[in-house]
């Protein structure tokens, strides 16, 4: 379990520097990710030492029972360039189901398109807080390292709950803050080394300064589980990945 985080207790959602309200926060996030899109995949792999690939694979594997059924519908929110979406597709194997990737950053979807072409994945440009999708249409909704960037976490959970069918499942994979000596070393890397490398490669240091601050602001696992319960999810759990650097939240729509 991560150390208590004073800022997360009052956090409504992501708050990039200069954001005054939810609307300006969403616009700032959208612009930030549009600017880093050309080097996004490279930086993900470099900055995580390729561990991000293992995280996507583990998260997808956690939902094998659902993914390998025929005629189910899966939504991957904040899909970025489609890596988690592709992991879900691969885990589904030969099952005949529908997998949709959604993101509100057009530049990310432009890069996701050639990666997902011909793999039975549909891409939708959409805001995770206002999805143009009907109620109860999906058996599984996931989000990998994107939910943390929503301008309102509670609203995001409510929207996921809305589009899930009764009994459908949620999976949110995101960063956390490990504790102990590892946590101290991690914070040094995350707050000082990562922004420097990210800025040099992408030319957008602000985006990689925002990353550690967004993790600090994000609810702790216990807080996040309470938020999930409050909107109607049950059987809620959090599984730490790589000593708690990341973790998978799971729940079921009652």
Protein backbone atom coordinates (compact mmCIF):
# COMPACT_ATOMS: atom_id res chain seq x y z
CA UNK A 1 0.00 0.00 0.00
CA UNK A 2 1.28 3.48 -0.84
CA UNK A 3 2.08 6.20 1.63
CA UNK A 4 -0.73 8.64 2.49
CA UNK A 5 -0.91 11.49 0.01
CA UNK A 6 -2.30 14.74 1.34
CA UNK A 7 -3.02 16.24 -2.05
CA UNK A 8 -4.98 13.23 -3.32
CA UNK A 9 -7.61 13.40 -0.59
CA UNK A 10 -9.04 16.63 -2.03
CA UNK A 11 -8.23 15.88 -5.67
CA UNK A 12 -11.15 16.02 -8.06
CA UNK A 13 -9.04 15.17 -11.07
CA UNK A 14 -5.93 16.04 -13.04
CA UNK A 15 -4.67 19.59 -12.62
CA UNK A 16 -1.86 20.58 -15.02
CA UNK A 17 -0.05 23.79 -14.15
CA UNK A 18 -2.20 26.82 -14.93
CA UNK A 19 -5.50 24.91 -15.03
CA UNK A 20 -8.30 26.86 -13.31
CA UNK A 21 -11.20 24.41 -13.61
CA UNK A 22 -12.14 21.03 -15.11
CA UNK A 23 -12.51 22.44 -18.61
CA UNK A 24 -9.11 24.13 -18.67
CA UNK A 25 -7.51 21.05 -17.09
CA UNK A 26 -8.97 18.83 -19.84
CA UNK A 27 -7.77 21.22 -22.56
CA UNK A 28 -4.28 21.33 -21.07
CA UNK A 29 -4.06 17.54 -20.91
CA UNK A 30 -5.34 17.23 -24.47
CA UNK A 31 -2.78 19.70 -25.80
CA UNK A 32 0.05 18.18 -23.77
CA UNK A 33 -0.51 14.68 -25.12
CA UNK A 34 -0.98 15.94 -28.67
CA UNK A 35 2.47 17.53 -28.44
CA UNK A 36 4.23 14.41 -27.11
CA UNK A 37 2.40 11.98 -29.44
CA UNK A 38 5.26 11.69 -31.99
CA UNK A 39 7.65 10.31 -29.35
CA UNK A 40 5.10 8.84 -26.97
CA UNK A 41 5.74 5.13 -27.64
CA UNK A 42 9.53 5.53 -27.61
CA UNK A 43 9.47 7.41 -24.33
CA UNK A 44 7.12 4.91 -22.67
CA UNK A 45 9.54 2.09 -23.42
CA UNK A 46 12.72 4.04 -22.60
CA UNK A 47 11.50 5.59 -19.35
CA UNK A 48 10.05 2.32 -18.03
CA UNK A 49 12.95 0.18 -19.32
CA UNK A 50 10.30 -1.75 -21.30
CA UNK A 51 8.49 -2.81 -18.12
CA UNK A 52 5.37 -1.08 -19.50
CA UNK A 53 4.97 -3.98 -21.94
CA UNK A 54 4.80 -6.40 -19.00
CA UNK A 55 2.20 -4.24 -17.24
CA UNK A 56 -0.11 -4.24 -20.28
CA UNK A 57 0.30 -7.98 -20.68
CA UNK A 58 -0.43 -8.66 -17.00
CA UNK A 59 -3.52 -6.43 -17.02
CA UNK A 60 -4.89 -8.08 -20.15
CA UNK A 61 -4.19 -11.53 -18.71
CA UNK A 62 -6.23 -10.63 -15.61
CA UNK A 63 -9.31 -10.45 -17.85
CA UNK A 64 -8.67 -13.60 -19.92
CA UNK A 65 -11.93 -15.19 -18.76
CA UNK A 66 -13.93 -12.33 -20.28
CA UNK A 67 -11.77 -11.66 -23.32
CA UNK A 68 -11.81 -15.23 -24.55
CA UNK A 69 -15.60 -15.41 -24.70
CA UNK A 70 -17.41 -14.86 -27.98
CA UNK A 71 -19.75 -11.95 -28.62
CA UNK A 72 -18.54 -9.68 -25.84
CA UNK A 73 -17.75 -5.96 -26.15
CA UNK A 74 -14.65 -4.35 -24.67
CA UNK A 75 -13.86 -0.65 -24.34
CA UNK A 76 -10.32 0.60 -23.72
CA UNK A 77 -10.53 4.21 -22.52
CA UNK A 78 -7.75 6.78 -22.93
CA UNK A 79 -6.18 4.25 -25.26
CA UNK A 80 -3.41 6.54 -26.52
CA UNK A 81 -1.51 4.84 -29.33
CA UNK A 82 -3.27 1.55 -28.67
CA UNK A 83 -0.78 -0.61 -26.76
CA UNK A 84 -3.23 -1.73 -24.07
CA UNK A 85 -5.92 -2.17 -26.71
CA UNK A 86 -3.60 -4.46 -28.66
CA UNK A 87 -2.76 -6.44 -25.51
CA UNK A 88 -6.49 -7.02 -24.98
CA UNK A 89 -6.90 -8.11 -28.59
CA UNK A 90 -3.99 -10.54 -28.33
CA UNK A 91 -5.29 -12.02 -25.09
CA UNK A 92 -8.72 -12.53 -26.71
CA UNK A 93 -7.10 -14.89 -29.20
CA UNK A 94 -9.57 -16.27 -31.73
CA UNK A 95 -12.64 -15.22 -29.79
CA UNK A 96 -15.13 -13.32 -31.92
CA UNK A 97 -15.68 -10.15 -29.93
CA UNK A 98 -15.61 -6.39 -30.38
CA UNK A 99 -12.80 -4.26 -28.97
CA UNK A 100 -13.02 -0.46 -29.08
CA UNK A 101 -10.23 1.99 -28.25
CA UNK A 102 -11.27 5.53 -27.32
CA UNK A 103 -9.21 8.67 -26.76
CA UNK A 104 -9.85 12.41 -26.98
CA UNK A 105 -6.38 13.22 -28.39
CA UNK A 106 -6.58 13.01 -32.17
CA UNK A 107 -2.79 12.82 -32.60
CA UNK A 108 -2.68 9.68 -30.46
CA UNK A 109 -5.35 7.94 -32.51
CA UNK A 110 -3.48 8.84 -35.71
CA UNK A 111 -0.57 6.78 -34.38
CA UNK A 112 -2.81 4.02 -33.07
CA UNK A 113 -4.46 3.49 -36.46
CA UNK A 114 -1.58 1.76 -38.32
CA UNK A 115 -0.76 -0.34 -35.24
CA UNK A 116 -4.33 -1.63 -34.92
CA UNK A 117 -5.20 -1.88 -38.62
CA UNK A 118 -6.59 -5.28 -39.58
CA UNK A 119 -6.68 -6.51 -35.98
CA UNK A 120 -10.41 -6.21 -35.33
CA UNK A 121 -10.10 -3.03 -33.28
CA UNK A 122 -12.34 0.03 -33.73
CA UNK A 123 -10.99 3.46 -32.76
CA UNK A 124 -13.22 6.28 -31.52
CA UNK A 125 -12.28 9.88 -30.80
CA UNK A 126 -14.20 10.59 -27.60
CA UNK A 127 -13.98 12.25 -24.19
CA UNK A 128 -13.97 9.66 -21.39
CA UNK A 129 -16.21 11.95 -19.32
CA UNK A 130 -18.84 12.25 -22.06
CA UNK A 131 -18.80 9.06 -24.07
CA UNK A 132 -21.04 8.94 -27.16
CA UNK A 133 -22.00 5.38 -26.24
CA UNK A 134 -25.24 3.81 -24.96
CA UNK A 135 -25.87 2.61 -21.43
CA UNK A 136 -24.92 -0.96 -20.60
CA UNK A 137 -23.17 -1.72 -23.87
CA UNK A 138 -19.87 -3.26 -22.69
CA UNK A 139 -18.77 -6.34 -20.79
CA UNK A 140 -15.36 -4.89 -19.89
CA UNK A 141 -13.97 -1.35 -19.69
CA UNK A 142 -10.24 -0.81 -19.18
CA UNK A 143 -7.93 2.17 -18.98
CA UNK A 144 -4.14 1.98 -18.84
CA UNK A 145 -2.22 5.01 -17.55
CA UNK A 146 -4.92 7.36 -18.79
CA UNK A 147 -7.57 7.50 -16.08
CA UNK A 148 -5.18 9.51 -13.91
CA UNK A 149 -5.36 12.32 -16.48
CA UNK A 150 -9.13 12.79 -16.29
CA UNK A 151 -10.31 16.17 -15.05
CA UNK A 152 -12.78 14.49 -12.68
CA UNK A 153 -12.11 11.00 -11.31
CA UNK A 154 -15.59 10.45 -9.87
CA UNK A 155 -17.25 11.51 -13.12
CA UNK A 156 -14.97 9.14 -15.01
CA UNK A 157 -15.96 6.23 -12.79
CA UNK A 158 -19.64 7.09 -13.18
CA UNK A 159 -19.30 7.11 -16.97
CA UNK A 160 -17.55 3.74 -16.96
CA UNK A 161 -20.28 2.38 -14.68
CA UNK A 162 -22.94 3.73 -17.06
CA UNK A 163 -21.59 2.03 -20.21
CA UNK A 164 -20.99 -1.32 -18.48
CA UNK A 165 -23.72 -3.94 -18.52
CA UNK A 166 -24.81 -5.39 -15.15
CA UNK A 167 -22.07 -7.80 -14.11
CA UNK A 168 -19.56 -6.10 -16.39
CA UNK A 169 -16.04 -5.44 -15.13
CA UNK A 170 -13.72 -2.45 -14.83
CA UNK A 171 -9.92 -2.53 -14.98
CA UNK A 172 -7.83 0.58 -14.33
CA UNK A 173 -4.06 0.22 -14.64
CA UNK A 174 -2.16 3.24 -13.39
CA UNK A 175 0.89 4.47 -11.54
CA UNK A 176 1.22 4.51 -7.79
CA UNK A 177 3.92 5.48 -5.28
CA UNK A 178 5.92 2.64 -3.70
CA UNK A 179 7.05 2.91 -0.09
CA UNK A 180 10.32 2.32 1.76
CA UNK A 181 13.81 2.66 0.31
CA UNK A 182 12.58 1.69 -3.16
CA UNK A 183 9.96 4.43 -2.94
CA UNK A 184 12.61 7.02 -2.08
CA UNK A 185 14.79 5.99 -5.03
CA UNK A 186 11.77 5.87 -7.31
CA UNK A 187 10.72 9.39 -6.35
CA UNK A 188 14.21 10.73 -7.11
CA UNK A 189 14.06 9.12 -10.56
CA UNK A 190 10.44 10.09 -11.19
CA UNK A 191 10.76 13.73 -10.11
CA UNK A 192 14.22 14.58 -11.43
CA UNK A 193 15.65 12.06 -13.92
CA UNK A 194 12.46 11.21 -15.82
CA UNK A 195 11.49 14.84 -16.64
CA UNK A 196 15.02 15.50 -17.86
CA UNK A 197 15.12 12.47 -20.20
CA UNK A 198 11.52 12.94 -21.31
CA UNK A 199 12.13 16.60 -22.07
CA UNK A 200 15.31 15.93 -24.04
CA UNK A 201 13.72 13.25 -26.23
CA UNK A 202 10.29 14.82 -26.71
CA UNK A 203 11.20 18.50 -26.54
CA UNK A 204 8.26 18.88 -24.12
CA UNK A 205 9.70 18.89 -20.61
CA UNK A 206 6.46 20.28 -19.12
CA UNK A 207 4.64 17.07 -20.02
CA UNK A 208 7.17 14.95 -18.14
CA UNK A 209 7.19 17.32 -15.18
CA UNK A 210 3.42 16.95 -15.09
CA UNK A 211 3.69 13.13 -14.98
CA UNK A 212 5.14 12.78 -11.45
CA UNK A 213 2.87 15.53 -10.12
CA UNK A 214 -0.16 13.72 -11.56
CA UNK A 215 0.87 10.51 -9.80
CA UNK A 216 1.28 12.35 -6.50
CA UNK A 217 -2.18 13.86 -6.94
CA UNK A 218 -3.88 10.58 -7.88
CA UNK A 219 -5.89 8.88 -5.09
CA UNK A 220 -4.12 6.23 -3.07
CA UNK A 221 -5.32 2.65 -3.63
CA UNK A 222 -7.59 2.78 -0.57
CA UNK A 223 -9.07 6.12 -1.63
CA UNK A 224 -9.58 4.91 -5.18
CA UNK A 225 -11.36 1.77 -3.99
CA UNK A 226 -13.72 3.92 -1.93
CA UNK A 227 -14.48 6.04 -5.00
CA UNK A 228 -15.25 2.90 -7.00
CA UNK A 229 -17.54 1.61 -4.29
CA UNK A 230 -19.34 4.96 -4.07
CA UNK A 231 -20.42 4.83 -7.74
CA UNK A 232 -21.71 1.27 -7.48
CA UNK A 233 -18.82 -1.13 -8.10
CA UNK A 234 -18.38 -4.26 -5.98
CA UNK A 235 -15.72 -6.98 -5.60
CA UNK A 236 -13.14 -4.19 -5.74
CA UNK A 237 -9.43 -4.96 -5.56
CA UNK A 238 -6.01 -3.45 -6.25
CA UNK A 239 -3.03 -5.57 -7.33
CA UNK A 240 0.42 -3.89 -7.19
CA UNK A 241 2.78 -4.33 -10.12
CA UNK A 242 6.57 -4.07 -9.85
CA UNK A 243 6.75 -3.28 -6.12
CA UNK A 244 3.80 -0.90 -6.33
CA UNK A 245 5.15 1.40 -9.04
CA UNK A 246 1.93 0.59 -10.89
CA UNK A 247 -1.19 -1.35 -10.01
CA UNK A 248 -4.44 -2.72 -11.37
CA UNK A 249 -7.81 -1.72 -9.91
CA UNK A 250 -10.64 -4.15 -10.59
CA UNK A 251 -14.34 -4.12 -9.84
CA UNK A 252 -17.69 -5.38 -11.03
CA UNK A 253 -20.90 -3.48 -11.79
CA UNK A 254 -23.40 -4.77 -9.24
